[in-house]
């Protein structure tokens, strides 16, 4: 029930947040296409 839904939220948005942090790191290195891909990947988990 509720616990399972909560962990589903936590797992997915935690993965999304990790992708967003990776996107920042990639942008700092000038790898903008890869950074945009990480944003898109993170967004799919966030949804």
ModelCIF file with pLDDT and N, C-alpha, C, O atoms, coordinates in Angstrom:
data_MODEL
#
_entry.id   MODEL 
#
_entity.id                         1 
_entity.type                       polymer 
_entity.pdbx_number_of_molecules   1 
#
_entity_poly.entity_id                      1 
_entity_poly.type                           'polypeptide(L)' 
_entity_poly.nstd_linkage                   no 
_entity_poly.nstd_monomer                   no 
_entity_poly.pdbx_seq_one_letter_code       
;(UNK)(UNK)(UNK)(UNK)(UNK)(UNK)(UNK)(UNK)(UNK)(UNK)(UNK)(UNK)(UNK)(UNK)(UNK)(UNK)
(UNK)(UNK)(UNK)(UNK)(UNK)(UNK)(UNK)(UNK)(UNK)(UNK)(UNK)(UNK)(UNK)(UNK)(UNK)(UNK)
(UNK)(UNK)(UNK)(UNK)(UNK)(UNK)(UNK)(UNK)(UNK)(UNK)(UNK)(UNK)(UNK)(UNK)(UNK)
;
_entity_poly.pdbx_seq_one_letter_code_can   XXXXXXXXXXXXXXXXXXXXXXXXXXXXXXXXXXXXXXXXXXXXXXX 
_entity_poly.pdbx_strand_id                 A 
#
loop_
_entity_poly_seq.entity_id 
_entity_poly_seq.num 
_entity_poly_seq.mon_id 
_entity_poly_seq.hetero 
1 1  UNK n 
1 2  UNK n 
1 3  UNK n 
1 4  UNK n 
1 5  UNK n 
1 6  UNK n 
1 7  UNK n 
1 8  UNK n 
1 9  UNK n 
1 10 UNK n 
1 11 UNK n 
1 12 UNK n 
1 13 UNK n 
1 14 UNK n 
1 15 UNK n 
1 16 UNK n 
1 17 UNK n 
1 18 UNK n 
1 19 UNK n 
1 20 UNK n 
1 21 UNK n 
1 22 UNK n 
1 23 UNK n 
1 24 UNK n 
1 25 UNK n 
1 26 UNK n 
1 27 UNK n 
1 28 UNK n 
1 29 UNK n 
1 30 UNK n 
1 31 UNK n 
1 32 UNK n 
1 33 UNK n 
1 34 UNK n 
1 35 UNK n 
1 36 UNK n 
1 37 UNK n 
1 38 UNK n 
1 39 UNK n 
1 40 UNK n 
1 41 UNK n 
1 42 UNK n 
1 43 UNK n 
1 44 UNK n 
1 45 UNK n 
1 46 UNK n 
1 47 UNK n 
#
_struct_asym.id          A 
_struct_asym.entity_id   1 
#
loop_
_ma_qa_metric.id 
_ma_qa_metric.mode 
_ma_qa_metric.name 
_ma_qa_metric.software_group_id 
_ma_qa_metric.type 
1 global pLDDT . pLDDT 
2 local  pLDDT . pLDDT 
#
_ma_qa_metric_global.metric_id      1 
_ma_qa_metric_global.metric_value   96.62 
_ma_qa_metric_global.model_id       1 
_ma_qa_metric_global.ordinal_id     1 
#
loop_
_ma_qa_metric_local.label_asym_id 
_ma_qa_metric_local.label_comp_id 
_ma_qa_metric_local.label_seq_id 
_ma_qa_metric_local.metric_id 
_ma_qa_metric_local.metric_value 
_ma_qa_metric_local.model_id 
_ma_qa_metric_local.ordinal_id 
A UNK 1  2 86.00 1 1  
A UNK 2  2 88.00 1 2  
A UNK 3  2 91.00 1 3  
A UNK 4  2 92.00 1 4  
A UNK 5  2 93.00 1 5  
A UNK 6  2 95.00 1 6  
A UNK 7  2 96.00 1 7  
A UNK 8  2 96.00 1 8  
A UNK 9  2 97.00 1 9  
A UNK 10 2 97.00 1 10 
A UNK 11 2 98.00 1 11 
A UNK 12 2 98.00 1 12 
A UNK 13 2 98.00 1 13 
A UNK 14 2 98.00 1 14 
A UNK 15 2 98.00 1 15 
A UNK 16 2 98.00 1 16 
A UNK 17 2 98.00 1 17 
A UNK 18 2 98.00 1 18 
A UNK 19 2 98.00 1 19 
A UNK 20 2 98.00 1 20 
A UNK 21 2 98.00 1 21 
A UNK 22 2 98.00 1 22 
A UNK 23 2 98.00 1 23 
A UNK 24 2 97.00 1 24 
A UNK 25 2 97.00 1 25 
A UNK 26 2 97.00 1 26 
A UNK 27 2 96.00 1 27 
A UNK 28 2 95.00 1 28 
A UNK 29 2 96.00 1 29 
A UNK 30 2 96.00 1 30 
A UNK 31 2 97.00 1 31 
A UNK 32 2 97.00 1 32 
A UNK 33 2 97.00 1 33 
A UNK 34 2 98.00 1 34 
A UNK 35 2 98.00 1 35 
A UNK 36 2 97.00 1 36 
A UNK 37 2 98.00 1 37 
A UNK 38 2 98.00 1 38 
A UNK 39 2 98.00 1 39 
A UNK 40 2 98.00 1 40 
A UNK 41 2 98.00 1 41 
A UNK 42 2 98.00 1 42 
A UNK 43 2 98.00 1 43 
A UNK 44 2 98.00 1 44 
A UNK 45 2 98.00 1 45 
A UNK 46 2 98.00 1 46 
A UNK 47 2 98.00 1 47 
#
loop_
_atom_site.group_PDB 
_atom_site.id 
_atom_site.type_symbol 
_atom_site.label_atom_id 
_atom_site.label_alt_id 
_atom_site.label_comp_id 
_atom_site.label_asym_id 
_atom_site.label_entity_id 
_atom_site.label_seq_id 
_atom_site.pdbx_PDB_ins_code 
_atom_site.Cartn_x 
_atom_site.Cartn_y 
_atom_site.Cartn_z 
_atom_site.occupancy 
_atom_site.B_iso_or_equiv 
_atom_site.pdbx_formal_charge 
_atom_site.auth_seq_id 
_atom_site.auth_comp_id 
_atom_site.auth_asym_id 
_atom_site.auth_atom_id 
_atom_site.pdbx_PDB_model_num 
ATOM 1   N N  . UNK A 1 1  ? 0.781  -1.224 0.000   1.00 86.00 ? 1  UNK A N  1 
ATOM 2   C CA . UNK A 1 1  ? 0.000  0.000  0.000   1.00 86.00 ? 1  UNK A CA 1 
ATOM 3   C C  . UNK A 1 1  ? 0.816  1.280  0.000   1.00 86.00 ? 1  UNK A C  1 
ATOM 4   O O  . UNK A 1 1  ? 1.640  1.524  -0.882  1.00 86.00 ? 1  UNK A O  1 
ATOM 5   N N  . UNK A 1 2  ? 0.562  2.084  1.012   1.00 88.00 ? 2  UNK A N  1 
ATOM 6   C CA . UNK A 1 2  ? 1.151  3.404  1.119   1.00 88.00 ? 2  UNK A CA 1 
ATOM 7   C C  . UNK A 1 2  ? 2.676  3.362  1.153   1.00 88.00 ? 2  UNK A C  1 
ATOM 8   O O  . UNK A 1 2  ? 3.330  4.179  0.505   1.00 88.00 ? 2  UNK A O  1 
ATOM 9   N N  . UNK A 1 3  ? 3.243  2.431  1.893   1.00 91.00 ? 3  UNK A N  1 
ATOM 10  C CA . UNK A 1 3  ? 4.710  2.333  1.969   1.00 91.00 ? 3  UNK A CA 1 
ATOM 11  C C  . UNK A 1 3  ? 5.312  2.088  0.594   1.00 91.00 ? 3  UNK A C  1 
ATOM 12  O O  . UNK A 1 3  ? 6.326  2.688  0.238   1.00 91.00 ? 3  UNK A O  1 
ATOM 13  N N  . UNK A 1 4  ? 4.690  1.212  -0.173  1.00 92.00 ? 4  UNK A N  1 
ATOM 14  C CA . UNK A 1 4  ? 5.191  0.885  -1.503  1.00 92.00 ? 4  UNK A CA 1 
ATOM 15  C C  . UNK A 1 4  ? 5.141  2.106  -2.414  1.00 92.00 ? 4  UNK A C  1 
ATOM 16  O O  . UNK A 1 4  ? 6.084  2.358  -3.163  1.00 92.00 ? 4  UNK A O  1 
ATOM 17  N N  . UNK A 1 5  ? 4.062  2.857  -2.357  1.00 93.00 ? 5  UNK A N  1 
ATOM 18  C CA . UNK A 1 5  ? 3.938  4.075  -3.164  1.00 93.00 ? 5  UNK A CA 1 
ATOM 19  C C  . UNK A 1 5  ? 4.995  5.088  -2.743  1.00 93.00 ? 5  UNK A C  1 
ATOM 20  O O  . UNK A 1 5  ? 5.624  5.717  -3.595  1.00 93.00 ? 5  UNK A O  1 
ATOM 21  N N  . UNK A 1 6  ? 5.195  5.250  -1.454  1.00 95.00 ? 6  UNK A N  1 
ATOM 22  C CA . UNK A 1 6  ? 6.215  6.186  -0.960  1.00 95.00 ? 6  UNK A CA 1 
ATOM 23  C C  . UNK A 1 6  ? 7.597  5.811  -1.459  1.00 95.00 ? 6  UNK A C  1 
ATOM 24  O O  . UNK A 1 6  ? 8.356  6.677  -1.893  1.00 95.00 ? 6  UNK A O  1 
ATOM 25  N N  . UNK A 1 7  ? 7.930  4.533  -1.404  1.00 96.00 ? 7  UNK A N  1 
ATOM 26  C CA . UNK A 1 7  ? 9.246  4.111  -1.877  1.00 96.00 ? 7  UNK A CA 1 
ATOM 27  C C  . UNK A 1 7  ? 9.361  4.240  -3.393  1.00 96.00 ? 7  UNK A C  1 
ATOM 28  O O  . UNK A 1 7  ? 10.453 4.473  -3.911  1.00 96.00 ? 7  UNK A O  1 
ATOM 29  N N  . UNK A 1 8  ? 8.254  4.091  -4.105  1.00 96.00 ? 8  UNK A N  1 
ATOM 30  C CA . UNK A 1 8  ? 8.258  4.308  -5.551  1.00 96.00 ? 8  UNK A CA 1 
ATOM 31  C C  . UNK A 1 8  ? 8.586  5.778  -5.852  1.00 96.00 ? 8  UNK A C  1 
ATOM 32  O O  . UNK A 1 8  ? 9.375  6.075  -6.749  1.00 96.00 ? 8  UNK A O  1 
ATOM 33  N N  . UNK A 1 9  ? 7.980  6.674  -5.101  1.00 97.00 ? 9  UNK A N  1 
ATOM 34  C CA . UNK A 1 9  ? 8.264  8.107  -5.264  1.00 97.00 ? 9  UNK A CA 1 
ATOM 35  C C  . UNK A 1 9  ? 9.738  8.379  -4.943  1.00 97.00 ? 9  UNK A C  1 
ATOM 36  O O  . UNK A 1 9  ? 10.455 8.979  -5.743  1.00 97.00 ? 9  UNK A O  1 
ATOM 37  N N  . UNK A 1 10 ? 10.174 7.936  -3.780  1.00 97.00 ? 10 UNK A N  1 
ATOM 38  C CA . UNK A 1 10 ? 11.543 8.200  -3.319  1.00 97.00 ? 10 UNK A CA 1 
ATOM 39  C C  . UNK A 1 10 ? 12.577 7.651  -4.301  1.00 97.00 ? 10 UNK A C  1 
ATOM 40  O O  . UNK A 1 10 ? 13.544 8.337  -4.629  1.00 97.00 ? 10 UNK A O  1 
ATOM 41  N N  . UNK A 1 11 ? 12.381 6.440  -4.762  1.00 98.00 ? 11 UNK A N  1 
ATOM 42  C CA . UNK A 1 11 ? 13.332 5.813  -5.674  1.00 98.00 ? 11 UNK A CA 1 
ATOM 43  C C  . UNK A 1 11 ? 13.423 6.572  -6.994  1.00 98.00 ? 11 UNK A C  1 
ATOM 44  O O  . UNK A 1 11 ? 14.518 6.869  -7.474  1.00 98.00 ? 11 UNK A O  1 
ATOM 45  N N  . UNK A 1 12 ? 12.278 6.880  -7.573  1.00 98.00 ? 12 UNK A N  1 
ATOM 46  C CA . UNK A 1 12 ? 12.280 7.547  -8.875  1.00 98.00 ? 12 UNK A CA 1 
ATOM 47  C C  . UNK A 1 12 ? 12.799 8.978  -8.807  1.00 98.00 ? 12 UNK A C  1 
ATOM 48  O O  . UNK A 1 12 ? 13.610 9.379  -9.642  1.00 98.00 ? 12 UNK A O  1 
ATOM 49  N N  . UNK A 1 13 ? 12.350 9.740  -7.839  1.00 98.00 ? 13 UNK A N  1 
ATOM 50  C CA . UNK A 1 13 ? 12.803 11.138 -7.791  1.00 98.00 ? 13 UNK A CA 1 
ATOM 51  C C  . UNK A 1 13 ? 14.253 11.233 -7.302  1.00 98.00 ? 13 UNK A C  1 
ATOM 52  O O  . UNK A 1 13 ? 14.960 12.183 -7.637  1.00 98.00 ? 13 UNK A O  1 
ATOM 53  N N  . UNK A 1 14 ? 14.687 10.261 -6.520  1.00 98.00 ? 14 UNK A N  1 
ATOM 54  C CA . UNK A 1 14 ? 16.099 10.226 -6.121  1.00 98.00 ? 14 UNK A CA 1 
ATOM 55  C C  . UNK A 1 14 ? 16.990 9.970  -7.323  1.00 98.00 ? 14 UNK A C  1 
ATOM 56  O O  . UNK A 1 14 ? 18.048 10.585 -7.458  1.00 98.00 ? 14 UNK A O  1 
ATOM 57  N N  . UNK A 1 15 ? 16.572 9.074  -8.189  1.00 98.00 ? 15 UNK A N  1 
ATOM 58  C CA . UNK A 1 15 ? 17.314 8.819  -9.425  1.00 98.00 ? 15 UNK A CA 1 
ATOM 59  C C  . UNK A 1 15 ? 17.305 10.056 -10.320 1.00 98.00 ? 15 UNK A C  1 
ATOM 60  O O  . UNK A 1 15 ? 18.317 10.409 -10.924 1.00 98.00 ? 15 UNK A O  1 
ATOM 61  N N  . UNK A 1 16 ? 16.144 10.708 -10.392 1.00 98.00 ? 16 UNK A N  1 
ATOM 62  C CA . UNK A 1 16 ? 16.037 11.939 -11.185 1.00 98.00 ? 16 UNK A CA 1 
ATOM 63  C C  . UNK A 1 16 ? 17.002 12.997 -10.672 1.00 98.00 ? 16 UNK A C  1 
ATOM 64  O O  . UNK A 1 16 ? 17.717 13.625 -11.453 1.00 98.00 ? 16 UNK A O  1 
ATOM 65  N N  . UNK A 1 17 ? 17.020 13.193 -9.363  1.00 98.00 ? 17 UNK A N  1 
ATOM 66  C CA . UNK A 1 17 ? 17.903 14.199 -8.772  1.00 98.00 ? 17 UNK A CA 1 
ATOM 67  C C  . UNK A 1 17 ? 19.371 13.878 -9.091  1.00 98.00 ? 17 UNK A C  1 
ATOM 68  O O  . UNK A 1 17 ? 20.151 14.780 -9.397  1.00 98.00 ? 17 UNK A O  1 
ATOM 69  N N  . UNK A 1 18 ? 19.737 12.619 -9.022  1.00 98.00 ? 18 UNK A N  1 
ATOM 70  C CA . UNK A 1 18 ? 21.089 12.207 -9.377  1.00 98.00 ? 18 UNK A CA 1 
ATOM 71  C C  . UNK A 1 18 ? 21.425 12.542 -10.825 1.00 98.00 ? 18 UNK A C  1 
ATOM 72  O O  . UNK A 1 18 ? 22.537 12.981 -11.120 1.00 98.00 ? 18 UNK A O  1 
ATOM 73  N N  . UNK A 1 19 ? 20.476 12.339 -11.723 1.00 98.00 ? 19 UNK A N  1 
ATOM 74  C CA . UNK A 1 19 ? 20.688 12.697 -13.135 1.00 98.00 ? 19 UNK A CA 1 
ATOM 75  C C  . UNK A 1 19 ? 20.883 14.200 -13.296 1.00 98.00 ? 19 UNK A C  1 
ATOM 76  O O  . UNK A 1 19 ? 21.712 14.641 -14.092 1.00 98.00 ? 19 UNK A O  1 
ATOM 77  N N  . UNK A 1 20 ? 20.126 14.978 -12.546 1.00 98.00 ? 20 UNK A N  1 
ATOM 78  C CA . UNK A 1 20 ? 20.250 16.436 -12.638 1.00 98.00 ? 20 UNK A CA 1 
ATOM 79  C C  . UNK A 1 20 ? 21.622 16.904 -12.129 1.00 98.00 ? 20 UNK A C  1 
ATOM 80  O O  . UNK A 1 20 ? 22.218 17.821 -12.695 1.00 98.00 ? 20 UNK A O  1 
ATOM 81  N N  . UNK A 1 21 ? 22.107 16.281 -11.079 1.00 98.00 ? 21 UNK A N  1 
ATOM 82  C CA . UNK A 1 21 ? 23.443 16.618 -10.572 1.00 98.00 ? 21 UNK A CA 1 
ATOM 83  C C  . UNK A 1 21 ? 24.501 16.235 -11.611 1.00 98.00 ? 21 UNK A C  1 
ATOM 84  O O  . UNK A 1 21 ? 25.449 16.985 -11.841 1.00 98.00 ? 21 UNK A O  1 
ATOM 85  N N  . UNK A 1 22 ? 24.337 15.073 -12.234 1.00 98.00 ? 22 UNK A N  1 
ATOM 86  C CA . UNK A 1 22 ? 25.265 14.668 -13.295 1.00 98.00 ? 22 UNK A CA 1 
ATOM 87  C C  . UNK A 1 22 ? 25.218 15.665 -14.451 1.00 98.00 ? 22 UNK A C  1 
ATOM 88  O O  . UNK A 1 22 ? 26.250 15.962 -15.052 1.00 98.00 ? 22 UNK A O  1 
ATOM 89  N N  . UNK A 1 23 ? 24.043 16.179 -14.764 1.00 98.00 ? 23 UNK A N  1 
ATOM 90  C CA . UNK A 1 23 ? 23.906 17.160 -15.842 1.00 98.00 ? 23 UNK A CA 1 
ATOM 91  C C  . UNK A 1 23 ? 24.699 18.423 -15.527 1.00 98.00 ? 23 UNK A C  1 
ATOM 92  O O  . UNK A 1 23 ? 25.336 19.000 -16.408 1.00 98.00 ? 23 UNK A O  1 
ATOM 93  N N  . UNK A 1 24 ? 24.657 18.846 -14.278 1.00 97.00 ? 24 UNK A N  1 
ATOM 94  C CA . UNK A 1 24 ? 25.436 20.018 -13.864 1.00 97.00 ? 24 UNK A CA 1 
ATOM 95  C C  . UNK A 1 24 ? 26.925 19.747 -14.055 1.00 97.00 ? 24 UNK A C  1 
ATOM 96  O O  . UNK A 1 24 ? 27.653 20.584 -14.589 1.00 97.00 ? 24 UNK A O  1 
ATOM 97  N N  . UNK A 1 25 ? 27.369 18.581 -13.618 1.00 97.00 ? 25 UNK A N  1 
ATOM 98  C CA . UNK A 1 25 ? 28.785 18.220 -13.778 1.00 97.00 ? 25 UNK A CA 1 
ATOM 99  C C  . UNK A 1 25 ? 29.194 18.197 -15.252 1.00 97.00 ? 25 UNK A C  1 
ATOM 100 O O  . UNK A 1 25 ? 30.266 18.686 -15.608 1.00 97.00 ? 25 UNK A O  1 
ATOM 101 N N  . UNK A 1 26 ? 28.354 17.637 -16.095 1.00 97.00 ? 26 UNK A N  1 
ATOM 102 C CA . UNK A 1 26 ? 28.656 17.565 -17.521 1.00 97.00 ? 26 UNK A CA 1 
ATOM 103 C C  . UNK A 1 26 ? 28.703 18.964 -18.147 1.00 97.00 ? 26 UNK A C  1 
ATOM 104 O O  . UNK A 1 26 ? 29.563 19.250 -18.979 1.00 97.00 ? 26 UNK A O  1 
ATOM 105 N N  . UNK A 1 27 ? 27.778 19.821 -17.741 1.00 96.00 ? 27 UNK A N  1 
ATOM 106 C CA . UNK A 1 27 ? 27.768 21.191 -18.261 1.00 96.00 ? 27 UNK A CA 1 
ATOM 107 C C  . UNK A 1 27 ? 29.033 21.927 -17.848 1.00 96.00 ? 27 UNK A C  1 
ATOM 108 O O  . UNK A 1 27 ? 29.583 22.712 -18.620 1.00 96.00 ? 27 UNK A O  1 
ATOM 109 N N  . UNK A 1 28 ? 29.490 21.673 -16.636 1.00 95.00 ? 28 UNK A N  1 
ATOM 110 C CA . UNK A 1 28 ? 30.721 22.304 -16.153 1.00 95.00 ? 28 UNK A CA 1 
ATOM 111 C C  . UNK A 1 28 ? 31.916 21.890 -17.007 1.00 95.00 ? 28 UNK A C  1 
ATOM 112 O O  . UNK A 1 28 ? 32.869 22.652 -17.167 1.00 95.00 ? 28 UNK A O  1 
ATOM 113 N N  . UNK A 1 29 ? 31.858 20.684 -17.550 1.00 96.00 ? 29 UNK A N  1 
ATOM 114 C CA . UNK A 1 29 ? 32.925 20.182 -18.430 1.00 96.00 ? 29 UNK A CA 1 
ATOM 115 C C  . UNK A 1 29 ? 32.716 20.589 -19.889 1.00 96.00 ? 29 UNK A C  1 
ATOM 116 O O  . UNK A 1 29 ? 33.526 20.250 -20.752 1.00 96.00 ? 29 UNK A O  1 
ATOM 117 N N  . UNK A 1 30 ? 31.621 21.320 -20.164 1.00 96.00 ? 30 UNK A N  1 
ATOM 118 C CA . UNK A 1 30 ? 31.330 21.747 -21.535 1.00 96.00 ? 30 UNK A CA 1 
ATOM 119 C C  . UNK A 1 30 ? 30.649 20.693 -22.381 1.00 96.00 ? 30 UNK A C  1 
ATOM 120 O O  . UNK A 1 30 ? 30.547 20.853 -23.597 1.00 96.00 ? 30 UNK A O  1 
ATOM 121 N N  . UNK A 1 31 ? 30.180 19.619 -21.765 1.00 97.00 ? 31 UNK A N  1 
ATOM 122 C CA . UNK A 1 31 ? 29.522 18.522 -22.487 1.00 97.00 ? 31 UNK A CA 1 
ATOM 123 C C  . UNK A 1 31 ? 28.001 18.754 -22.470 1.00 97.00 ? 31 UNK A C  1 
ATOM 124 O O  . UNK A 1 31 ? 27.257 18.071 -21.767 1.00 97.00 ? 31 UNK A O  1 
ATOM 125 N N  . UNK A 1 32 ? 27.571 19.735 -23.265 1.00 97.00 ? 32 UNK A N  1 
ATOM 126 C CA . UNK A 1 32 ? 26.185 20.191 -23.190 1.00 97.00 ? 32 UNK A CA 1 
ATOM 127 C C  . UNK A 1 32 ? 25.164 19.200 -23.732 1.00 97.00 ? 32 UNK A C  1 
ATOM 128 O O  . UNK A 1 32 ? 24.067 19.071 -23.187 1.00 97.00 ? 32 UNK A O  1 
ATOM 129 N N  . UNK A 1 33 ? 25.518 18.508 -24.794 1.00 97.00 ? 33 UNK A N  1 
ATOM 130 C CA . UNK A 1 33 ? 24.589 17.520 -25.348 1.00 97.00 ? 33 UNK A CA 1 
ATOM 131 C C  . UNK A 1 33 ? 24.345 16.393 -24.335 1.00 97.00 ? 33 UNK A C  1 
ATOM 132 O O  . UNK A 1 33 ? 23.212 15.955 -24.133 1.00 97.00 ? 33 UNK A O  1 
ATOM 133 N N  . UNK A 1 34 ? 25.418 15.942 -23.715 1.00 98.00 ? 34 UNK A N  1 
ATOM 134 C CA . UNK A 1 34 ? 25.283 14.897 -22.692 1.00 98.00 ? 34 UNK A CA 1 
ATOM 135 C C  . UNK A 1 34 ? 24.509 15.419 -21.478 1.00 98.00 ? 34 UNK A C  1 
ATOM 136 O O  . UNK A 1 34 ? 23.719 14.687 -20.882 1.00 98.00 ? 34 UNK A O  1 
ATOM 137 N N  . UNK A 1 35 ? 24.733 16.660 -21.121 1.00 98.00 ? 35 UNK A N  1 
ATOM 138 C CA . UNK A 1 35 ? 24.012 17.263 -19.996 1.00 98.00 ? 35 UNK A CA 1 
ATOM 139 C C  . UNK A 1 35 ? 22.520 17.309 -20.288 1.00 98.00 ? 35 UNK A C  1 
ATOM 140 O O  . UNK A 1 35 ? 21.700 17.012 -19.419 1.00 98.00 ? 35 UNK A O  1 
ATOM 141 N N  . UNK A 1 36 ? 22.172 17.683 -21.517 1.00 97.00 ? 36 UNK A N  1 
ATOM 142 C CA . UNK A 1 36 ? 20.751 17.732 -21.904 1.00 97.00 ? 36 UNK A CA 1 
ATOM 143 C C  . UNK A 1 36 ? 20.135 16.330 -21.871 1.00 97.00 ? 36 UNK A C  1 
ATOM 144 O O  . UNK A 1 36 ? 18.976 16.161 -21.493 1.00 97.00 ? 36 UNK A O  1 
ATOM 145 N N  . UNK A 1 37 ? 20.917 15.338 -22.266 1.00 98.00 ? 37 UNK A N  1 
ATOM 146 C CA . UNK A 1 37 ? 20.434 13.953 -22.220 1.00 98.00 ? 37 UNK A CA 1 
ATOM 147 C C  . UNK A 1 37 ? 20.168 13.517 -20.779 1.00 98.00 ? 37 UNK A C  1 
ATOM 148 O O  . UNK A 1 37 ? 19.201 12.806 -20.504 1.00 98.00 ? 37 UNK A O  1 
ATOM 149 N N  . UNK A 1 38 ? 21.037 13.951 -19.863 1.00 98.00 ? 38 UNK A N  1 
ATOM 150 C CA . UNK A 1 38 ? 20.845 13.618 -18.442 1.00 98.00 ? 38 UNK A CA 1 
ATOM 151 C C  . UNK A 1 38 ? 19.594 14.298 -17.897 1.00 98.00 ? 38 UNK A C  1 
ATOM 152 O O  . UNK A 1 38 ? 18.874 13.716 -17.085 1.00 98.00 ? 38 UNK A O  1 
ATOM 153 N N  . UNK A 1 39 ? 19.332 15.526 -18.337 1.00 98.00 ? 39 UNK A N  1 
ATOM 154 C CA . UNK A 1 39 ? 18.104 16.219 -17.927 1.00 98.00 ? 39 UNK A CA 1 
ATOM 155 C C  . UNK A 1 39 ? 16.896 15.421 -18.406 1.00 98.00 ? 39 UNK A C  1 
ATOM 156 O O  . UNK A 1 39 ? 15.950 15.210 -17.647 1.00 98.00 ? 39 UNK A O  1 
ATOM 157 N N  . UNK A 1 40 ? 16.924 14.980 -19.654 1.00 98.00 ? 40 UNK A N  1 
ATOM 158 C CA . UNK A 1 40 ? 15.809 14.200 -20.213 1.00 98.00 ? 40 UNK A CA 1 
ATOM 159 C C  . UNK A 1 40 ? 15.636 12.874 -19.464 1.00 98.00 ? 40 UNK A C  1 
ATOM 160 O O  . UNK A 1 40 ? 14.515 12.469 -19.158 1.00 98.00 ? 40 UNK A O  1 
ATOM 161 N N  . UNK A 1 41 ? 16.748 12.208 -19.174 1.00 98.00 ? 41 UNK A N  1 
ATOM 162 C CA . UNK A 1 41 ? 16.682 10.947 -18.424 1.00 98.00 ? 41 UNK A CA 1 
ATOM 163 C C  . UNK A 1 41 ? 16.093 11.194 -17.034 1.00 98.00 ? 41 UNK A C  1 
ATOM 164 O O  . UNK A 1 41 ? 15.214 10.461 -16.580 1.00 98.00 ? 41 UNK A O  1 
ATOM 165 N N  . UNK A 1 42 ? 16.586 12.227 -16.375 1.00 98.00 ? 42 UNK A N  1 
ATOM 166 C CA . UNK A 1 42 ? 16.071 12.562 -15.053 1.00 98.00 ? 42 UNK A CA 1 
ATOM 167 C C  . UNK A 1 42 ? 14.593 12.887 -15.088 1.00 98.00 ? 42 UNK A C  1 
ATOM 168 O O  . UNK A 1 42 ? 13.842 12.508 -14.190 1.00 98.00 ? 42 UNK A O  1 
ATOM 169 N N  . UNK A 1 43 ? 14.180 13.589 -16.125 1.00 98.00 ? 43 UNK A N  1 
ATOM 170 C CA . UNK A 1 43 ? 12.769 13.967 -16.244 1.00 98.00 ? 43 UNK A CA 1 
ATOM 171 C C  . UNK A 1 43 ? 11.865 12.747 -16.378 1.00 98.00 ? 43 UNK A C  1 
ATOM 172 O O  . UNK A 1 43 ? 10.746 12.741 -15.865 1.00 98.00 ? 43 UNK A O  1 
ATOM 173 N N  . UNK A 1 44 ? 12.348 11.717 -17.066 1.00 98.00 ? 44 UNK A N  1 
ATOM 174 C CA . UNK A 1 44 ? 11.527 10.507 -17.203 1.00 98.00 ? 44 UNK A CA 1 
ATOM 175 C C  . UNK A 1 44 ? 11.327 9.821  -15.852 1.00 98.00 ? 44 UNK A C  1 
ATOM 176 O O  . UNK A 1 44 ? 10.249 9.298  -15.570 1.00 98.00 ? 44 UNK A O  1 
ATOM 177 N N  . UNK A 1 45 ? 12.362 9.824  -15.024 1.00 98.00 ? 45 UNK A N  1 
ATOM 178 C CA . UNK A 1 45 ? 12.222 9.268  -13.672 1.00 98.00 ? 45 UNK A CA 1 
ATOM 179 C C  . UNK A 1 45 ? 11.339 10.167 -12.806 1.00 98.00 ? 45 UNK A C  1 
ATOM 180 O O  . UNK A 1 45 ? 10.503 9.687  -12.040 1.00 98.00 ? 45 UNK A O  1 
ATOM 181 N N  . UNK A 1 46 ? 11.539 11.474 -12.940 1.00 98.00 ? 46 UNK A N  1 
ATOM 182 C CA . UNK A 1 46 ? 10.746 12.411 -12.143 1.00 98.00 ? 46 UNK A CA 1 
ATOM 183 C C  . UNK A 1 46 ? 9.256  12.225 -12.421 1.00 98.00 ? 46 UNK A C  1 
ATOM 184 O O  . UNK A 1 46 ? 8.443  12.238 -11.496 1.00 98.00 ? 46 UNK A O  1 
ATOM 185 N N  . UNK A 1 47 ? 8.900  12.054 -13.685 1.00 98.00 ? 47 UNK A N  1 
ATOM 186 C CA . UNK A 1 47 ? 7.491  11.876 -14.057 1.00 98.00 ? 47 UNK A CA 1 
ATOM 187 C C  . UNK A 1 47 ? 6.911  10.625 -13.401 1.00 98.00 ? 47 UNK A C  1 
ATOM 188 O O  . UNK A 1 47 ? 5.737  10.313 -13.598 1.00 98.00 ? 47 UNK A O  1 
#
